[in-house]
Amino acid sequence: MKTRILLVDDDQTLLSLLSQYLRESNFQVLEAASGSAGLRLAFNEHPDLILLDVMLPGMDGWEVCSRLRELSDVPVIMLTAKATEADKLHGFQLGVDDYVTKPFSFVELVARIQAVIGRANIKNKETGYIAHGEIILNMEKYQATLAGRTLVLTPTEFRLLEVLVRRKGRVASEADLIREVWGSERNDPALVRRYILMLRKKLESDPSSPIWVRTVRGFGYRLGTGPLKMPGDDKPSNGK
């Protein structure tokens, strides 16, 4: 699966040229020309990394980063013409992973992106934890928590939740879940639906109106980040 990058910048020329270069460098690219649009895309699409300009109309990059960090640890690289030490310190205090000063080399930026993604992957492996929102999985002890509450899961329920967590909010089809949880020799969509229902009973306060394990009608399932309703999510029907 290609690394998905969200590029947030109001400079349309840079947005177009950099997006093209990143796609040619084998990344998937999402584009936003304002802070508010970038924030919506970040919460709806769950990119692997965000390139974020500081000087944006309306909501600036600092505020976007601050709001991101309330719910996500997605890597962020700031793109800015501001090069003072105080600006960089402010960015790092907000949880920025790297800081690139304009104008910059596209080749160097791709190297920075790969380095940040690499560090994030190493951190996940070293800690033995993977997370999405308030769902945290301890991969060494096979334990799961939701907002600090321990979840009592069967091995299959844990594997199913792990697949959804690793997708970071992206949709997984029933075929995807069958292949990754049960193996390619199985072909039983009803099995997926049964385990999705069982998982909801463990995670949701109201399994009939899920806020964590969500149905994306016609496509499959995805993890939410909490009570906020995301566009494209439907309430389940007939146990789906």
C-alpha atoms as a PDB file:
ATOM      1  CA  MET A   1       0.000   0.000   0.000  1.00  0.00           C
ATOM      2  CA  LYS A   2       1.421   3.396  -1.018  1.00  0.00           C
ATOM      3  CA  THR A   3       2.190   6.010   1.627  1.00  0.00           C
ATOM      4  CA  ARG A   4      -0.592   8.591   1.630  1.00  0.00           C
ATOM      5  CA  ILE A   5       0.454  12.220   2.048  1.00  0.00           C
ATOM      6  CA  LEU A   6      -1.823  15.158   2.754  1.00  0.00           C
ATOM      7  CA  LEU A   7      -0.393  18.395   1.335  1.00  0.00           C
ATOM      8  CA  VAL A   8      -1.893  21.567   2.826  1.00  0.00           C
ATOM      9  CA  ASP A   9      -0.750  24.797   1.137  1.00  0.00           C
ATOM     10  CA  ASP A  10      -2.561  27.799  -0.346  1.00  0.00           C
ATOM     11  CA  ASP A  11       0.119  28.346  -3.023  1.00  0.00           C
ATOM     12  CA  GLN A  12      -1.639  26.745  -5.991  1.00  0.00           C
ATOM     13  CA  THR A  13       1.521  26.572  -8.101  1.00  0.00           C
ATOM     14  CA  LEU A  14       3.459  24.784  -5.367  1.00  0.00           C
ATOM     15  CA  LEU A  15       0.464  22.571  -4.605  1.00  0.00           C
ATOM     16  CA  SER A  16       0.257  21.432  -8.232  1.00  0.00           C
ATOM     17  CA  LEU A  17       3.986  20.950  -8.839  1.00  0.00           C
ATOM     18  CA  LEU A  18       4.735  19.248  -5.528  1.00  0.00           C
ATOM     19  CA  SER A  19       1.693  16.974  -5.791  1.00  0.00           C
ATOM     20  CA  GLN A  20       2.828  15.841  -9.229  1.00  0.00           C
ATOM     21  CA  TYR A  21       6.378  15.203  -8.006  1.00  0.00           C
ATOM     22  CA  LEU A  22       5.180  13.213  -4.995  1.00  0.00           C
ATOM     23  CA  ARG A  23       2.931  11.049  -7.166  1.00  0.00           C
ATOM     24  CA  GLU A  24       5.852  10.400  -9.506  1.00  0.00           C
ATOM     25  CA  SER A  25       7.802   9.394  -6.387  1.00  0.00           C
ATOM     26  CA  ASN A  26       5.202   6.675  -5.701  1.00  0.00           C
ATOM     27  CA  PHE A  27       3.137   8.454  -3.032  1.00  0.00           C
ATOM     28  CA  GLN A  28      -0.615   8.911  -2.943  1.00  0.00           C
ATOM     29  CA  VAL A  29      -1.421  12.597  -2.498  1.00  0.00           C
ATOM     30  CA  LEU A  30      -4.394  14.438  -1.000  1.00  0.00           C
ATOM     31  CA  GLU A  31      -4.553  18.209  -1.486  1.00  0.00           C
ATOM     32  CA  ALA A  32      -6.033  21.055   0.548  1.00  0.00           C
ATOM     33  CA  ALA A  33      -5.656  24.809   0.029  1.00  0.00           C
ATOM     34  CA  SER A  34      -6.746  25.911   3.523  1.00  0.00           C
ATOM     35  CA  GLY A  35      -6.288  24.850   7.115  1.00  0.00           C
ATOM     36  CA  SER A  36      -9.936  23.954   7.666  1.00  0.00           C
ATOM     37  CA  ALA A  37     -10.066  21.862   4.478  1.00  0.00           C
ATOM     38  CA  GLY A  38      -6.833  20.146   5.472  1.00  0.00           C
ATOM     39  CA  LEU A  39      -8.169  19.339   8.924  1.00  0.00           C
ATOM     40  CA  ARG A  40     -11.329  17.786   7.459  1.00  0.00           C
ATOM     41  CA  LEU A  41      -9.281  15.651   5.069  1.00  0.00           C
ATOM     42  CA  ALA A  42      -6.956  14.583   7.866  1.00  0.00           C
ATOM     43  CA  PHE A  43      -9.826  13.342  10.030  1.00  0.00           C
ATOM     44  CA  ASN A  44     -11.759  11.769   7.133  1.00  0.00           C
ATOM     45  CA  GLU A  45      -8.904  10.193   5.155  1.00  0.00           C
ATOM     46  CA  HIS A  46      -6.266   9.469   7.837  1.00  0.00           C
ATOM     47  CA  PRO A  47      -3.081  10.080   5.808  1.00  0.00           C
ATOM     48  CA  ASP A  48       0.265   8.566   6.766  1.00  0.00           C
ATOM     49  CA  LEU A  49       1.977  11.976   6.836  1.00  0.00           C
ATOM     50  CA  ILE A  50       0.970  15.633   6.518  1.00  0.00           C
ATOM     51  CA  LEU A  51       2.941  18.400   4.782  1.00  0.00           C
ATOM     52  CA  LEU A  52       1.571  21.549   6.373  1.00  0.00           C
ATOM     53  CA  ASP A  53       2.225  25.174   5.440  1.00  0.00           C
ATOM     54  CA  VAL A  54       2.310  27.653   8.328  1.00  0.00           C
ATOM     55  CA  MET A  55       0.881  30.688   6.523  1.00  0.00           C
ATOM     56  CA  LEU A  56      -2.635  29.611   5.579  1.00  0.00           C
ATOM     57  CA  PRO A  57      -5.794  31.695   5.161  1.00  0.00           C
ATOM     58  CA  GLY A  58      -8.135  31.593   8.135  1.00  0.00           C
ATOM     59  CA  MET A  59      -6.874  28.748  10.315  1.00  0.00           C
ATOM     60  CA  ASP A  60      -3.073  28.827  10.144  1.00  0.00           C
ATOM     61  CA  GLY A  61      -0.734  25.847  10.273  1.00  0.00           C
ATOM     62  CA  TRP A  62      -0.052  26.223  13.990  1.00  0.00           C
ATOM     63  CA  GLU A  63      -3.736  25.882  14.841  1.00  0.00           C
ATOM     64  CA  VAL A  64      -4.183  22.988  12.415  1.00  0.00           C
ATOM     65  CA  CYS A  65      -1.284  21.141  14.026  1.00  0.00           C
ATOM     66  CA  SER A  66      -2.604  21.818  17.515  1.00  0.00           C
ATOM     67  CA  ARG A  67      -6.029  20.408  16.620  1.00  0.00           C
ATOM     68  CA  LEU A  68      -4.483  17.390  14.907  1.00  0.00           C
ATOM     69  CA  ARG A  69      -2.534  16.520  18.025  1.00  0.00           C
ATOM     70  CA  GLU A  70      -5.726  16.368  20.074  1.00  0.00           C
ATOM     71  CA  LEU A  71      -6.706  13.122  18.322  1.00  0.00           C
ATOM     72  CA  SER A  72      -3.818  11.925  16.183  1.00  0.00           C
ATOM     73  CA  ASP A  73      -0.077  11.270  16.239  1.00  0.00           C
ATOM     74  CA  VAL A  74       0.196  11.397  12.422  1.00  0.00           C
ATOM     75  CA  PRO A  75       3.679  12.645  11.401  1.00  0.00           C
ATOM     76  CA  VAL A  76       3.700  16.340  10.408  1.00  0.00           C
ATOM     77  CA  ILE A  77       6.328  18.208   8.403  1.00  0.00           C
ATOM     78  CA  MET A  78       5.895  21.981   8.426  1.00  0.00           C
ATOM     79  CA  LEU A  79       6.554  23.904   5.204  1.00  0.00           C
ATOM     80  CA  THR A  80       7.237  27.562   5.830  1.00  0.00           C
ATOM     81  CA  ALA A  81       9.156  30.665   4.851  1.00  0.00           C
ATOM     82  CA  LYS A  82       9.679  31.365   8.566  1.00  0.00           C
ATOM     83  CA  ALA A  83      13.154  30.218   9.553  1.00  0.00           C
ATOM     84  CA  THR A  84      13.685  31.718  13.019  1.00  0.00           C
ATOM     85  CA  GLU A  85      14.678  29.519  15.919  1.00  0.00           C
ATOM     86  CA  ALA A  86      11.590  30.640  17.860  1.00  0.00           C
ATOM     87  CA  ASP A  87       9.297  29.495  15.033  1.00  0.00           C
ATOM     88  CA  LYS A  88      10.984  26.104  14.848  1.00  0.00           C
ATOM     89  CA  LEU A  89      10.812  25.710  18.625  1.00  0.00           C
ATOM     90  CA  HIS A  90       7.105  26.540  18.535  1.00  0.00           C
ATOM     91  CA  GLY A  91       6.565  23.882  15.888  1.00  0.00           C
ATOM     92  CA  PHE A  92       8.406  21.195  17.816  1.00  0.00           C
ATOM     93  CA  GLN A  93       6.484  22.092  20.984  1.00  0.00           C
ATOM     94  CA  LEU A  94       3.270  21.412  19.044  1.00  0.00           C
ATOM     95  CA  GLY A  95       4.529  17.984  18.062  1.00  0.00           C
ATOM     96  CA  VAL A  96       5.885  18.714  14.581  1.00  0.00           C
ATOM     97  CA  ASP A  97       8.218  15.954  13.324  1.00  0.00           C
ATOM     98  CA  ASP A  98      10.310  18.037  10.933  1.00  0.00           C
ATOM     99  CA  TYR A  99      10.575  21.587   9.648  1.00  0.00           C
ATOM    100  CA  VAL A 100      11.411  22.507   6.013  1.00  0.00           C
ATOM    101  CA  THR A 101      12.107  26.110   5.041  1.00  0.00           C
ATOM    102  CA  LYS A 102      10.909  27.495   1.713  1.00  0.00           C
ATOM    103  CA  PRO A 103      12.245  27.459  -0.942  1.00  0.00           C
ATOM    104  CA  PHE A 104      13.259  23.816  -0.741  1.00  0.00           C
ATOM    105  CA  SER A 105      14.425  21.019  -2.999  1.00  0.00           C
ATOM    106  CA  PHE A 106      11.741  18.453  -3.864  1.00  0.00           C
ATOM    107  CA  VAL A 107      14.424  15.749  -3.738  1.00  0.00           C
ATOM    108  CA  GLU A 108      15.414  16.782  -0.216  1.00  0.00           C
ATOM    109  CA  LEU A 109      11.780  16.947   0.880  1.00  0.00           C
ATOM    110  CA  VAL A 110      11.148  13.374  -0.291  1.00  0.00           C
ATOM    111  CA  ALA A 111      14.226  12.278   1.676  1.00  0.00           C
ATOM    112  CA  ARG A 112      12.826  14.038   4.759  1.00  0.00           C
ATOM    113  CA  ILE A 113       9.447  12.364   4.236  1.00  0.00           C
ATOM    114  CA  GLN A 114      11.036   8.932   4.017  1.00  0.00           C
ATOM    115  CA  ALA A 115      13.110   9.608   7.138  1.00  0.00           C
ATOM    116  CA  VAL A 116      10.078  10.722   9.170  1.00  0.00           C
ATOM    117  CA  ILE A 117       7.994   7.735   8.020  1.00  0.00           C
ATOM    118  CA  GLY A 118      10.896   5.444   8.829  1.00  0.00           C
ATOM    119  CA  ARG A 119      11.230   6.846  12.352  1.00  0.00           C
ATOM    120  CA  ALA A 120       7.489   6.461  12.922  1.00  0.00           C
ATOM    121  CA  ASN A 121       7.614   2.803  11.836  1.00  0.00           C
ATOM    122  CA  ILE A 122      10.627   2.094  14.060  1.00  0.00           C
ATOM    123  CA  LYS A 123       8.889   3.732  17.018  1.00  0.00           C
ATOM    124  CA  ASN A 124       5.829   1.507  16.534  1.00  0.00           C
ATOM    125  CA  LYS A 125       8.029  -1.612  16.379  1.00  0.00           C
ATOM    126  CA  GLU A 126      10.122  -0.642  19.405  1.00  0.00           C
ATOM    127  CA  THR A 127       7.187   0.189  21.635  1.00  0.00           C
ATOM    128  CA  GLY A 128       5.137  -2.806  20.561  1.00  0.00           C
ATOM    129  CA  TYR A 129       2.038  -0.629  20.420  1.00  0.00           C
ATOM    130  CA  ILE A 130      -0.202   0.435  17.566  1.00  0.00           C
ATOM    131  CA  ALA A 131      -3.031   2.908  18.014  1.00  0.00           C
ATOM    132  CA  HIS A 132      -5.878   4.715  16.327  1.00  0.00           C
ATOM    133  CA  GLY A 133      -7.581   7.482  18.277  1.00  0.00           C
ATOM    134  CA  GLU A 134      -8.186   6.135  21.785  1.00  0.00           C
ATOM    135  CA  ILE A 135      -7.884   2.492  20.709  1.00  0.00           C
ATOM    136  CA  ILE A 136      -4.453   1.142  21.705  1.00  0.00           C
ATOM    137  CA  LEU A 137      -3.190  -2.378  21.002  1.00  0.00           C
ATOM    138  CA  ASN A 138      -0.264  -3.903  22.877  1.00  0.00           C
ATOM    139  CA  MET A 139       1.106  -6.285  20.242  1.00  0.00           C
ATOM    140  CA  GLU A 140       3.470  -8.030  22.672  1.00  0.00           C
ATOM    141  CA  LYS A 141       0.795  -8.908  25.218  1.00  0.00           C
ATOM    142  CA  TYR A 142      -2.158  -9.022  22.788  1.00  0.00           C
ATOM    143  CA  GLN A 143      -4.074  -6.567  24.929  1.00  0.00           C
ATOM    144  CA  ALA A 144      -6.450  -3.859  23.746  1.00  0.00           C
ATOM    145  CA  THR A 145      -7.706  -0.745  25.489  1.00  0.00           C
ATOM    146  CA  LEU A 146     -10.280   1.874  24.563  1.00  0.00           C
ATOM    147  CA  ALA A 147      -9.951   5.233  26.338  1.00  0.00           C
ATOM    148  CA  GLY A 148      -7.990   3.435  29.068  1.00  0.00           C
ATOM    149  CA  ARG A 149     -10.582   0.654  29.454  1.00  0.00           C
ATOM    150  CA  THR A 150      -9.281  -2.877  28.895  1.00  0.00           C
ATOM    151  CA  LEU A 151     -11.187  -4.825  26.256  1.00  0.00           C
ATOM    152  CA  VAL A 152     -11.687  -8.561  26.720  1.00  0.00           C
ATOM    153  CA  LEU A 153     -11.290  -9.908  23.186  1.00  0.00           C
ATOM    154  CA  THR A 154     -10.999 -13.362  21.682  1.00  0.00           C
ATOM    155  CA  PRO A 155      -7.922 -13.975  19.473  1.00  0.00           C
ATOM    156  CA  THR A 156     -10.025 -13.546  16.321  1.00  0.00           C
ATOM    157  CA  GLU A 157     -11.627 -10.348  17.606  1.00  0.00           C
ATOM    158  CA  PHE A 158      -8.160  -9.013  18.414  1.00  0.00           C
ATOM    159  CA  ARG A 159      -6.867  -9.846  14.910  1.00  0.00           C
ATOM    160  CA  LEU A 160      -9.900  -8.175  13.341  1.00  0.00           C
ATOM    161  CA  LEU A 161      -9.400  -5.035  15.441  1.00  0.00           C
ATOM    162  CA  GLU A 162      -5.683  -5.063  14.613  1.00  0.00           C
ATOM    163  CA  VAL A 163      -6.406  -5.039  10.864  1.00  0.00           C
ATOM    164  CA  LEU A 164      -8.768  -2.086  11.288  1.00  0.00           C
ATOM    165  CA  VAL A 165      -6.322  -0.189  13.538  1.00  0.00           C
ATOM    166  CA  ARG A 166      -3.454  -0.640  11.081  1.00  0.00           C
ATOM    167  CA  ARG A 167      -5.604   0.899   8.351  1.00  0.00           C
ATOM    168  CA  LYS A 168      -5.799   4.128  10.359  1.00  0.00           C
ATOM    169  CA  GLY A 169      -9.417   4.839   9.472  1.00  0.00           C
ATOM    170  CA  ARG A 170      -9.258   3.662   5.855  1.00  0.00           C
ATOM    171  CA  VAL A 171     -12.032   1.412   4.634  1.00  0.00           C
ATOM    172  CA  ALA A 172     -11.511  -2.364   4.646  1.00  0.00           C
ATOM    173  CA  SER A 173     -13.813  -4.430   2.461  1.00  0.00           C
ATOM    174  CA  GLU A 174     -15.231  -7.751   3.640  1.00  0.00           C
ATOM    175  CA  ALA A 175     -12.854  -9.485   1.200  1.00  0.00           C
ATOM    176  CA  ASP A 176      -9.903  -7.587   2.730  1.00  0.00           C
ATOM    177  CA  LEU A 177     -10.896  -8.646   6.231  1.00  0.00           C
ATOM    178  CA  ILE A 178     -11.413 -12.293   5.243  1.00  0.00           C
ATOM    179  CA  ARG A 179      -7.980 -12.423   3.602  1.00  0.00           C
ATOM    180  CA  GLU A 180      -6.121 -10.676   6.448  1.00  0.00           C
ATOM    181  CA  VAL A 181      -7.905 -12.270   9.414  1.00  0.00           C
ATOM    182  CA  TRP A 182      -8.932 -15.752   8.252  1.00  0.00           C
ATOM    183  CA  GLY A 183      -6.807 -16.348   5.152  1.00  0.00           C
ATOM    184  CA  SER A 184      -7.430 -16.500   1.425  1.00  0.00           C
ATOM    185  CA  GLU A 185      -8.973 -20.006   1.606  1.00  0.00           C
ATOM    186  CA  ARG A 186     -12.049 -18.649   3.406  1.00  0.00           C
ATOM    187  CA  ASN A 187     -14.915 -16.933   1.598  1.00  0.00           C
ATOM    188  CA  ASP A 188     -17.675 -16.236   4.091  1.00  0.00           C
ATOM    189  CA  PRO A 189     -18.913 -12.601   4.296  1.00  0.00           C
ATOM    190  CA  ALA A 190     -21.398 -13.662   6.970  1.00  0.00           C
ATOM    191  CA  LEU A 191     -18.453 -14.602   9.182  1.00  0.00           C
ATOM    192  CA  VAL A 192     -17.093 -11.052   8.907  1.00  0.00           C
ATOM    193  CA  ARG A 193     -20.462  -9.544   9.773  1.00  0.00           C
ATOM    194  CA  ARG A 194     -20.839 -11.824  12.772  1.00  0.00           C
ATOM    195  CA  TYR A 195     -17.437 -10.846  14.150  1.00  0.00           C
ATOM    196  CA  ILE A 196     -18.007  -7.155  13.412  1.00  0.00           C
ATOM    197  CA  LEU A 197     -21.160  -7.386  15.524  1.00  0.00           C
ATOM    198  CA  MET A 198     -19.262  -9.179  18.291  1.00  0.00           C
ATOM    199  CA  LEU A 199     -16.512  -6.551  18.209  1.00  0.00           C
ATOM    200  CA  ARG A 200     -19.067  -3.749  18.414  1.00  0.00           C
ATOM    201  CA  LYS A 201     -20.562  -5.327  21.526  1.00  0.00           C
ATOM    202  CA  LYS A 202     -17.129  -5.038  23.147  1.00  0.00           C
ATOM    203  CA  LEU A 203     -16.344  -1.469  21.977  1.00  0.00           C
ATOM    204  CA  GLU A 204     -19.611   0.405  21.587  1.00  0.00           C
ATOM    205  CA  SER A 205     -21.878   1.839  24.265  1.00  0.00           C
ATOM    206  CA  ASP A 206     -24.711   1.370  21.725  1.00  0.00           C
ATOM    207  CA  PRO A 207     -23.809  -1.341  19.166  1.00  0.00           C
ATOM    208  CA  SER A 208     -26.856  -0.433  17.042  1.00  0.00           C
ATOM    209  CA  SER A 209     -25.400   3.064  16.505  1.00  0.00           C
ATOM    210  CA  PRO A 210     -21.612   2.513  16.386  1.00  0.00           C
ATOM    211  CA  ILE A 211     -19.114   5.323  16.705  1.00  0.00           C
ATOM    212  CA  TRP A 212     -15.967   3.149  16.591  1.00  0.00           C
ATOM    213  CA  VAL A 213     -16.488   0.259  14.154  1.00  0.00           C
ATOM    214  CA  ARG A 214     -18.390   1.971  11.369  1.00  0.00           C
ATOM    215  CA  THR A 215     -20.071   0.712   8.240  1.00  0.00           C
ATOM    216  CA  VAL A 216     -19.258   2.572   5.031  1.00  0.00           C
ATOM    217  CA  ARG A 217     -22.236   1.440   3.013  1.00  0.00           C
ATOM    218  CA  GLY A 218     -21.345  -0.353  -0.192  1.00  0.00           C
ATOM    219  CA  PHE A 219     -17.617  -0.443   0.650  1.00  0.00           C
ATOM    220  CA  GLY A 220     -16.919  -2.113   3.990  1.00  0.00           C
ATOM    221  CA  TYR A 221     -15.840  -1.062   7.471  1.00  0.00           C
ATOM    222  CA  ARG A 222     -13.562   1.530   9.029  1.00  0.00           C
ATOM    223  CA  LEU A 223     -12.574   2.713  12.494  1.00  0.00           C
ATOM    224  CA  GLY A 224     -13.796   6.057  13.718  1.00  0.00           C
ATOM    225  CA  THR A 225     -11.913   8.220  16.195  1.00  0.00           C
ATOM    226  CA  GLY A 226     -14.789   8.744  18.580  1.00  0.00           C
ATOM    227  CA  PRO A 227     -18.178  10.412  18.843  1.00  0.00           C
ATOM    228  CA  LEU A 228     -17.607  12.786  15.877  1.00  0.00           C
ATOM    229  CA  LYS A 229     -19.712  11.560  12.923  1.00  0.00           C
ATOM    230  CA  MET A 230     -17.736  11.338   9.695  1.00  0.00           C
ATOM    231  CA  PRO A 231     -19.301  11.877   6.239  1.00  0.00           C
ATOM    232  CA  GLY A 232     -19.920   8.622   4.377  1.00  0.00           C
ATOM    233  CA  ASP A 233     -20.507   6.517   7.490  1.00  0.00           C
ATOM    234  CA  ASP A 234     -23.876   4.846   7.810  1.00  0.00           C
ATOM    235  CA  LYS A 235     -25.582   3.145  10.660  1.00  0.00           C
ATOM    236  CA  PRO A 236     -25.491  -0.621  10.272  1.00  0.00           C
ATOM    237  CA  SER A 237     -28.551  -2.452   9.039  1.00  0.00           C
ATOM    238  CA  ASN A 238     -29.372  -6.174   9.299  1.00  0.00           C
ATOM    239  CA  GLY A 239     -26.337  -6.739  11.489  1.00  0.00           C
ATOM    240  CA  LYS A 240     -23.824  -5.131   9.086  1.00  0.00           C
END
